Amino acid sequence: MMPDKKNNYLPVEASLDKDMTLTEHLAELRSCLLKALAALVIGTASSVYFLQDIMDVLTSAAKELYYMRPAEAFMIYMKVALLSGLLLASPFMLYELYAFVRPALTWRERKFTFLCIPLTLLLFIAGMLFSYSFVFPRGLEFFLGFAAGKVNPLISMESYLDFLLMLVVPFGFAFNVPVILTLLAYLDLISYRLLMKFQRHVILVAFIIAGVITPTPDIITQTLLAVPLILLYEVSIVIIRYLLKR
């Protein structure tokens, strides 16, 4: 007798989608939060071990930095360790989030979400690395060279790192344009035809966004953000048209 293909798959999905009581949901949420917190603690502890190396990389673009308050240097180091730990722990934390919502998703939604989570993280890191390597040095050079004559900059560690985060983190979010557009297409809110219709407008919008995000008024720094946004938009069209077929 030929095996029933339909029956081969339904029991597995049914077992994954079994109903849970409110108490079981709360227990599962508590377990996920504790695991995520443990990952954050481990990531932060690992960052503390390599903290000086991390600080050397982050402050390599500055010649000299100062701190104005006795505890400022300590607080900044702890802040960097926590942010680095969060970045290290983020893959596991995102997986725990996925594991918690997974029973409520269909098989297709699970597959889509499972692919989107690592892609989102990779694009976020790629955006920050791009900004740190190309945009941040130009922005820092622009502002440090703005004053002329006998005026010399006195940069504190806090203001330097705040400027670094302000310029680097937005690029991480901006590089996730393909994920956002693909999600909207998956939900049947947009299609590749709609995206192609607004291709010309995207160029203007990309430069407007770049002008808002980047703190420097020079066109080169803004172009360094606008061009990747335009390219990522075009990549989104290809993904939606040929992979999602929407």
C-alpha atoms as a PDB file:
ATOM      1  CA  MET A   1       0.000   0.000   0.000  1.00  0.00           C
ATOM      2  CA  MET A   2       1.328   3.423  -0.942  1.00  0.00           C
ATOM      3  CA  PRO A   3       2.000   5.716   2.039  1.00  0.00           C
ATOM      4  CA  ASP A   4      -0.373   8.640   2.481  1.00  0.00           C
ATOM      5  CA  LYS A   5       1.779  11.734   2.059  1.00  0.00           C
ATOM      6  CA  LYS A   6      -0.822  13.907   3.632  1.00  0.00           C
ATOM      7  CA  ASN A   7      -0.797  11.861   6.823  1.00  0.00           C
ATOM      8  CA  ASN A   8       2.997  11.908   6.920  1.00  0.00           C
ATOM      9  CA  TYR A   9       3.105  15.623   7.637  1.00  0.00           C
ATOM     10  CA  LEU A  10      -0.063  16.580   9.471  1.00  0.00           C
ATOM     11  CA  PRO A  11       0.723  14.833  12.781  1.00  0.00           C
ATOM     12  CA  VAL A  12       4.069  16.648  13.039  1.00  0.00           C
ATOM     13  CA  GLU A  13       2.490  20.060  12.490  1.00  0.00           C
ATOM     14  CA  ALA A  14      -0.386  19.228  14.769  1.00  0.00           C
ATOM     15  CA  SER A  15       1.968  18.249  17.562  1.00  0.00           C
ATOM     16  CA  LEU A  16       3.807  21.556  17.182  1.00  0.00           C
ATOM     17  CA  ASP A  17       0.616  23.590  17.240  1.00  0.00           C
ATOM     18  CA  LYS A  18      -1.026  22.001  20.280  1.00  0.00           C
ATOM     19  CA  ASP A  19      -2.980  24.320  22.549  1.00  0.00           C
ATOM     20  CA  MET A  20      -1.281  25.645  25.669  1.00  0.00           C
ATOM     21  CA  THR A  21      -2.848  27.060  28.787  1.00  0.00           C
ATOM     22  CA  LEU A  22      -2.127  30.593  29.984  1.00  0.00           C
ATOM     23  CA  THR A  23       0.097  29.222  32.748  1.00  0.00           C
ATOM     24  CA  GLU A  24       2.107  27.216  30.222  1.00  0.00           C
ATOM     25  CA  HIS A  25       2.475  30.287  28.006  1.00  0.00           C
ATOM     26  CA  LEU A  26       3.727  32.353  30.950  1.00  0.00           C
ATOM     27  CA  ALA A  27       6.140  29.593  31.957  1.00  0.00           C
ATOM     28  CA  GLU A  28       7.455  29.409  28.397  1.00  0.00           C
ATOM     29  CA  LEU A  29       7.842  33.199  28.279  1.00  0.00           C
ATOM     30  CA  ARG A  30       9.692  33.163  31.592  1.00  0.00           C
ATOM     31  CA  SER A  31      12.023  30.445  30.306  1.00  0.00           C
ATOM     32  CA  CYS A  32      12.771  32.406  27.131  1.00  0.00           C
ATOM     33  CA  LEU A  33      13.446  35.611  29.071  1.00  0.00           C
ATOM     34  CA  LEU A  34      15.771  33.845  31.493  1.00  0.00           C
ATOM     35  CA  LYS A  35      17.704  32.251  28.627  1.00  0.00           C
ATOM     36  CA  ALA A  36      17.960  35.621  26.851  1.00  0.00           C
ATOM     37  CA  LEU A  37      19.162  37.274  30.072  1.00  0.00           C
ATOM     38  CA  ALA A  38      21.745  34.531  30.566  1.00  0.00           C
ATOM     39  CA  ALA A  39      22.994  35.055  27.010  1.00  0.00           C
ATOM     40  CA  LEU A  40      23.269  38.798  27.673  1.00  0.00           C
ATOM     41  CA  VAL A  41      25.265  38.180  30.868  1.00  0.00           C
ATOM     42  CA  ILE A  42      27.627  35.786  29.074  1.00  0.00           C
ATOM     43  CA  GLY A  43      28.031  38.190  26.153  1.00  0.00           C
ATOM     44  CA  THR A  44      28.723  41.118  28.478  1.00  0.00           C
ATOM     45  CA  ALA A  45      31.238  39.079  30.504  1.00  0.00           C
ATOM     46  CA  SER A  46      33.024  38.100  27.289  1.00  0.00           C
ATOM     47  CA  SER A  47      33.073  41.746  26.206  1.00  0.00           C
ATOM     48  CA  VAL A  48      34.581  42.801  29.546  1.00  0.00           C
ATOM     49  CA  TYR A  49      37.427  40.341  28.986  1.00  0.00           C
ATOM     50  CA  PHE A  50      38.236  41.951  25.603  1.00  0.00           C
ATOM     51  CA  LEU A  51      37.100  45.432  26.627  1.00  0.00           C
ATOM     52  CA  GLN A  52      40.406  47.191  26.078  1.00  0.00           C
ATOM     53  CA  ASP A  53      40.722  45.750  22.572  1.00  0.00           C
ATOM     54  CA  ILE A  54      37.157  46.868  21.809  1.00  0.00           C
ATOM     55  CA  MET A  55      37.879  50.382  23.087  1.00  0.00           C
ATOM     56  CA  ASP A  56      41.082  50.560  21.020  1.00  0.00           C
ATOM     57  CA  VAL A  57      39.085  49.758  17.877  1.00  0.00           C
ATOM     58  CA  LEU A  58      36.281  52.214  18.668  1.00  0.00           C
ATOM     59  CA  THR A  59      38.606  55.093  19.529  1.00  0.00           C
ATOM     60  CA  SER A  60      41.158  54.492  16.766  1.00  0.00           C
ATOM     61  CA  ALA A  61      39.827  57.459  14.755  1.00  0.00           C
ATOM     62  CA  ALA A  62      40.492  59.938  17.592  1.00  0.00           C
ATOM     63  CA  LYS A  63      43.922  61.207  18.532  1.00  0.00           C
ATOM     64  CA  GLU A  64      43.214  62.067  22.158  1.00  0.00           C
ATOM     65  CA  LEU A  65      40.136  61.690  24.315  1.00  0.00           C
ATOM     66  CA  TYR A  66      39.413  63.062  27.770  1.00  0.00           C
ATOM     67  CA  TYR A  67      36.945  62.403  30.545  1.00  0.00           C
ATOM     68  CA  MET A  68      35.454  65.240  32.568  1.00  0.00           C
ATOM     69  CA  ARG A  69      34.076  63.411  35.621  1.00  0.00           C
ATOM     70  CA  PRO A  70      35.809  60.895  37.931  1.00  0.00           C
ATOM     71  CA  ALA A  71      33.426  58.053  37.130  1.00  0.00           C
ATOM     72  CA  GLU A  72      32.934  58.924  33.458  1.00  0.00           C
ATOM     73  CA  ALA A  73      35.570  56.547  32.072  1.00  0.00           C
ATOM     74  CA  PHE A  74      34.264  53.626  34.163  1.00  0.00           C
ATOM     75  CA  MET A  75      30.640  54.240  33.151  1.00  0.00           C
ATOM     76  CA  ILE A  76      31.584  54.492  29.477  1.00  0.00           C
ATOM     77  CA  TYR A  77      33.560  51.251  29.607  1.00  0.00           C
ATOM     78  CA  MET A  78      30.608  49.484  31.237  1.00  0.00           C
ATOM     79  CA  LYS A  79      28.244  50.964  28.636  1.00  0.00           C
ATOM     80  CA  VAL A  80      30.452  49.699  25.815  1.00  0.00           C
ATOM     81  CA  ALA A  81      30.683  46.264  27.465  1.00  0.00           C
ATOM     82  CA  LEU A  82      26.882  46.071  27.775  1.00  0.00           C
ATOM     83  CA  LEU A  83      26.297  47.143  24.165  1.00  0.00           C
ATOM     84  CA  SER A  84      28.940  44.704  22.922  1.00  0.00           C
ATOM     85  CA  GLY A  85      27.390  41.956  25.009  1.00  0.00           C
ATOM     86  CA  LEU A  86      23.975  42.767  23.582  1.00  0.00           C
ATOM     87  CA  LEU A  87      25.379  42.519  20.062  1.00  0.00           C
ATOM     88  CA  LEU A  88      27.036  39.174  20.837  1.00  0.00           C
ATOM     89  CA  ALA A  89      23.920  37.786  22.496  1.00  0.00           C
ATOM     90  CA  SER A  90      21.476  39.094  19.878  1.00  0.00           C
ATOM     91  CA  PRO A  91      21.492  35.936  17.684  1.00  0.00           C
ATOM     92  CA  PHE A  92      20.518  33.753  20.633  1.00  0.00           C
ATOM     93  CA  MET A  93      18.017  36.327  21.951  1.00  0.00           C
ATOM     94  CA  LEU A  94      16.330  36.569  18.548  1.00  0.00           C
ATOM     95  CA  TYR A  95      16.178  32.792  18.343  1.00  0.00           C
ATOM     96  CA  GLU A  96      14.485  32.651  21.752  1.00  0.00           C
ATOM     97  CA  LEU A  97      11.932  35.180  20.512  1.00  0.00           C
ATOM     98  CA  TYR A  98      11.361  33.041  17.434  1.00  0.00           C
ATOM     99  CA  ALA A  99      11.036  29.895  19.576  1.00  0.00           C
ATOM    100  CA  PHE A 100       8.372  31.574  21.716  1.00  0.00           C
ATOM    101  CA  VAL A 101       6.154  32.696  18.818  1.00  0.00           C
ATOM    102  CA  ARG A 102       6.865  29.634  16.640  1.00  0.00           C
ATOM    103  CA  PRO A 103       3.884  27.504  17.802  1.00  0.00           C
ATOM    104  CA  ALA A 104       1.490  30.264  16.695  1.00  0.00           C
ATOM    105  CA  LEU A 105       2.935  30.395  13.163  1.00  0.00           C
ATOM    106  CA  THR A 106       2.099  28.323  10.129  1.00  0.00           C
ATOM    107  CA  TRP A 107       4.789  26.226   8.484  1.00  0.00           C
ATOM    108  CA  ARG A 108       5.286  28.847   5.775  1.00  0.00           C
ATOM    109  CA  GLU A 109       5.489  31.669   8.329  1.00  0.00           C
ATOM    110  CA  ARG A 110       8.029  29.699  10.355  1.00  0.00           C
ATOM    111  CA  LYS A 111      10.231  29.198   7.331  1.00  0.00           C
ATOM    112  CA  PHE A 112      10.018  32.872   6.376  1.00  0.00           C
ATOM    113  CA  THR A 113      10.708  34.091   9.928  1.00  0.00           C
ATOM    114  CA  PHE A 114      13.586  31.657  10.424  1.00  0.00           C
ATOM    115  CA  LEU A 115      15.253  33.030   7.284  1.00  0.00           C
ATOM    116  CA  CYS A 116      14.561  36.680   8.094  1.00  0.00           C
ATOM    117  CA  ILE A 117      16.057  36.689  11.606  1.00  0.00           C
ATOM    118  CA  PRO A 118      19.687  35.906  10.638  1.00  0.00           C
ATOM    119  CA  LEU A 119      19.400  38.064   7.517  1.00  0.00           C
ATOM    120  CA  THR A 120      18.198  41.020   9.599  1.00  0.00           C
ATOM    121  CA  LEU A 121      21.123  40.620  11.993  1.00  0.00           C
ATOM    122  CA  LEU A 122      23.681  40.275   9.193  1.00  0.00           C
ATOM    123  CA  LEU A 123      22.374  43.362   7.376  1.00  0.00           C
ATOM    124  CA  PHE A 124      22.354  45.342  10.626  1.00  0.00           C
ATOM    125  CA  ILE A 125      25.991  44.460  11.315  1.00  0.00           C
ATOM    126  CA  ALA A 126      26.927  45.132   7.672  1.00  0.00           C
ATOM    127  CA  GLY A 127      25.337  48.579   7.871  1.00  0.00           C
ATOM    128  CA  MET A 128      27.229  49.456  11.050  1.00  0.00           C
ATOM    129  CA  LEU A 129      30.531  48.210   9.635  1.00  0.00           C
ATOM    130  CA  PHE A 130      29.965  50.193   6.453  1.00  0.00           C
ATOM    131  CA  SER A 131      29.275  53.362   8.423  1.00  0.00           C
ATOM    132  CA  TYR A 132      32.225  52.816  10.770  1.00  0.00           C
ATOM    133  CA  SER A 133      34.619  52.207   7.878  1.00  0.00           C
ATOM    134  CA  PHE A 134      33.529  54.901   5.417  1.00  0.00           C
ATOM    135  CA  VAL A 135      31.007  57.371   6.837  1.00  0.00           C
ATOM    136  CA  PHE A 136      32.145  57.871  10.433  1.00  0.00           C
ATOM    137  CA  PRO A 137      35.746  58.890   9.576  1.00  0.00           C
ATOM    138  CA  ARG A 138      34.485  61.497   7.107  1.00  0.00           C
ATOM    139  CA  GLY A 139      31.935  62.852   9.559  1.00  0.00           C
ATOM    140  CA  LEU A 140      34.517  63.118  12.324  1.00  0.00           C
ATOM    141  CA  GLU A 141      37.032  64.753   9.974  1.00  0.00           C
ATOM    142  CA  PHE A 142      34.431  67.259   8.831  1.00  0.00           C
ATOM    143  CA  PHE A 143      33.499  68.420  12.320  1.00  0.00           C
ATOM    144  CA  LEU A 144      37.060  68.457  13.657  1.00  0.00           C
ATOM    145  CA  GLY A 145      38.210  70.508  10.677  1.00  0.00           C
ATOM    146  CA  PHE A 146      35.304  72.931  10.864  1.00  0.00           C
ATOM    147  CA  ALA A 147      36.982  75.242  13.394  1.00  0.00           C
ATOM    148  CA  ALA A 148      39.990  77.112  12.086  1.00  0.00           C
ATOM    149  CA  GLY A 149      42.815  79.155  13.554  1.00  0.00           C
ATOM    150  CA  LYS A 150      43.902  78.588  17.122  1.00  0.00           C
ATOM    151  CA  VAL A 151      40.752  76.728  18.147  1.00  0.00           C
ATOM    152  CA  ASN A 152      41.592  73.145  19.095  1.00  0.00           C
ATOM    153  CA  PRO A 153      39.034  70.423  19.828  1.00  0.00           C
ATOM    154  CA  LEU A 154      38.790  68.953  23.319  1.00  0.00           C
ATOM    155  CA  ILE A 155      36.757  65.786  22.843  1.00  0.00           C
ATOM    156  CA  SER A 156      35.445  63.810  25.771  1.00  0.00           C
ATOM    157  CA  MET A 157      35.044  60.028  25.609  1.00  0.00           C
ATOM    158  CA  GLU A 158      31.311  60.376  26.176  1.00  0.00           C
ATOM    159  CA  SER A 159      30.719  62.851  23.343  1.00  0.00           C
ATOM    160  CA  TYR A 160      32.943  60.829  20.980  1.00  0.00           C
ATOM    161  CA  LEU A 161      31.102  57.551  21.590  1.00  0.00           C
ATOM    162  CA  ASP A 162      27.694  59.257  21.434  1.00  0.00           C
ATOM    163  CA  PHE A 163      28.641  60.691  18.035  1.00  0.00           C
ATOM    164  CA  LEU A 164      29.863  57.242  16.936  1.00  0.00           C
ATOM    165  CA  LEU A 165      26.590  55.551  17.934  1.00  0.00           C
ATOM    166  CA  MET A 166      24.511  58.346  16.396  1.00  0.00           C
ATOM    167  CA  LEU A 167      26.221  57.842  13.044  1.00  0.00           C
ATOM    168  CA  VAL A 168      26.715  54.061  13.011  1.00  0.00           C
ATOM    169  CA  VAL A 169      23.463  52.609  14.433  1.00  0.00           C
ATOM    170  CA  PRO A 170      21.078  54.295  11.899  1.00  0.00           C
ATOM    171  CA  PHE A 171      23.007  52.646   9.080  1.00  0.00           C
ATOM    172  CA  GLY A 172      22.271  49.259  10.627  1.00  0.00           C
ATOM    173  CA  PHE A 173      18.540  49.954  10.464  1.00  0.00           C
ATOM    174  CA  ALA A 174      18.784  51.499   6.992  1.00  0.00           C
ATOM    175  CA  PHE A 175      20.465  48.376   5.607  1.00  0.00           C
ATOM    176  CA  ASN A 176      17.380  46.344   6.579  1.00  0.00           C
ATOM    177  CA  VAL A 177      15.283  47.913   3.819  1.00  0.00           C
ATOM    178  CA  PRO A 178      15.143  44.615   1.834  1.00  0.00           C
ATOM    179  CA  VAL A 179      13.851  42.713   4.870  1.00  0.00           C
ATOM    180  CA  ILE A 180      11.143  45.310   5.558  1.00  0.00           C
ATOM    181  CA  LEU A 181      10.000  45.461   1.937  1.00  0.00           C
ATOM    182  CA  THR A 182      10.083  41.683   1.602  1.00  0.00           C
ATOM    183  CA  LEU A 183       7.935  41.353   4.731  1.00  0.00           C
ATOM    184  CA  LEU A 184       5.417  43.846   3.346  1.00  0.00           C
ATOM    185  CA  ALA A 185       5.309  41.909   0.073  1.00  0.00           C
ATOM    186  CA  TYR A 186       4.872  38.644   1.968  1.00  0.00           C
ATOM    187  CA  LEU A 187       1.833  40.178   3.685  1.00  0.00           C
ATOM    188  CA  ASP A 188       0.496  41.201   0.238  1.00  0.00           C
ATOM    189  CA  LEU A 189       0.711  44.903   1.127  1.00  0.00           C
ATOM    190  CA  ILE A 190       3.030  45.742  -1.779  1.00  0.00           C
ATOM    191  CA  SER A 191       4.221  44.127  -5.007  1.00  0.00           C
ATOM    192  CA  TYR A 192       7.277  44.459  -7.226  1.00  0.00           C
ATOM    193  CA  ARG A 193       5.178  46.405  -9.745  1.00  0.00           C
ATOM    194  CA  LEU A 194       4.386  48.987  -7.083  1.00  0.00           C
ATOM    195  CA  LEU A 195       8.051  49.253  -6.138  1.00  0.00           C
ATOM    196  CA  MET A 196       9.086  49.657  -9.767  1.00  0.00           C
ATOM    197  CA  LYS A 197       6.509  52.426 -10.139  1.00  0.00           C
ATOM    198  CA  PHE A 198       8.287  54.481  -7.466  1.00  0.00           C
ATOM    199  CA  GLN A 199      11.879  53.768  -8.544  1.00  0.00           C
ATOM    200  CA  ARG A 200      12.493  57.383  -9.595  1.00  0.00           C
ATOM    201  CA  HIS A 201      11.044  58.761  -6.387  1.00  0.00           C
ATOM    202  CA  VAL A 202      13.278  56.487  -4.301  1.00  0.00           C
ATOM    203  CA  ILE A 203      16.390  58.370  -5.404  1.00  0.00           C
ATOM    204  CA  LEU A 204      15.047  61.629  -3.988  1.00  0.00           C
ATOM    205  CA  VAL A 205      13.719  59.958  -0.843  1.00  0.00           C
ATOM    206  CA  ALA A 206      17.044  58.185  -0.277  1.00  0.00           C
ATOM    207  CA  PHE A 207      18.948  61.483  -0.303  1.00  0.00           C
ATOM    208  CA  ILE A 208      16.359  63.074   2.007  1.00  0.00           C
ATOM    209  CA  ILE A 209      16.731  60.177   4.461  1.00  0.00           C
ATOM    210  CA  ALA A 210      20.509  60.407   4.184  1.00  0.00           C
ATOM    211  CA  GLY A 211      20.349  64.131   4.927  1.00  0.00           C
ATOM    212  CA  VAL A 212      18.257  63.491   8.037  1.00  0.00           C
ATOM    213  CA  ILE A 213      20.286  60.549   9.369  1.00  0.00           C
ATOM    214  CA  THR A 214      23.803  61.804   8.698  1.00  0.00           C
ATOM    215  CA  PRO A 215      24.889  64.715  10.907  1.00  0.00           C
ATOM    216  CA  THR A 216      27.237  66.176   8.292  1.00  0.00           C
ATOM    217  CA  PRO A 217      25.924  68.509   5.557  1.00  0.00           C
ATOM    218  CA  ASP A 218      28.480  67.483   2.909  1.00  0.00           C
ATOM    219  CA  ILE A 219      27.103  65.676  -0.119  1.00  0.00           C
ATOM    220  CA  ILE A 220      29.775  62.941  -0.070  1.00  0.00           C
ATOM    221  CA  THR A 221      28.746  61.563   3.321  1.00  0.00           C
ATOM    222  CA  GLN A 222      25.067  61.715   2.367  1.00  0.00           C
ATOM    223  CA  THR A 223      25.803  59.945  -0.927  1.00  0.00           C
ATOM    224  CA  LEU A 224      27.567  57.149   0.972  1.00  0.00           C
ATOM    225  CA  LEU A 225      24.230  56.369   2.634  1.00  0.00           C
ATOM    226  CA  ALA A 226      21.867  57.221  -0.229  1.00  0.00           C
ATOM    227  CA  VAL A 227      23.559  54.969  -2.814  1.00  0.00           C
ATOM    228  CA  PRO A 228      23.397  51.788  -0.666  1.00  0.00           C
ATOM    229  CA  LEU A 229      19.741  52.550   0.112  1.00  0.00           C
ATOM    230  CA  ILE A 230      18.951  52.786  -3.601  1.00  0.00           C
ATOM    231  CA  LEU A 231      20.849  49.559  -4.337  1.00  0.00           C
ATOM    232  CA  LEU A 232      19.087  47.762  -1.482  1.00  0.00           C
ATOM    233  CA  TYR A 233      15.751  48.946  -2.867  1.00  0.00           C
ATOM    234  CA  GLU A 234      16.631  47.428  -6.247  1.00  0.00           C
ATOM    235  CA  VAL A 235      17.682  44.187  -4.539  1.00  0.00           C
ATOM    236  CA  SER A 236      14.296  44.131  -2.804  1.00  0.00           C
ATOM    237  CA  ILE A 237      12.523  44.321  -6.153  1.00  0.00           C
ATOM    238  CA  VAL A 238      14.509  41.331  -7.445  1.00  0.00           C
ATOM    239  CA  ILE A 239      13.778  39.286  -4.297  1.00  0.00           C
ATOM    240  CA  ILE A 240      10.060  40.074  -4.350  1.00  0.00           C
ATOM    241  CA  ARG A 241       9.690  39.453  -8.070  1.00  0.00           C
ATOM    242  CA  TYR A 242      11.687  36.245  -8.500  1.00  0.00           C
ATOM    243  CA  LEU A 243      11.650  34.606  -5.054  1.00  0.00           C
ATOM    244  CA  LEU A 244       8.304  35.626  -3.571  1.00  0.00           C
ATOM    245  CA  LYS A 245       6.696  36.096  -6.994  1.00  0.00           C
ATOM    246  CA  ARG A 246       4.528  38.912  -5.657  1.00  0.00           C
END
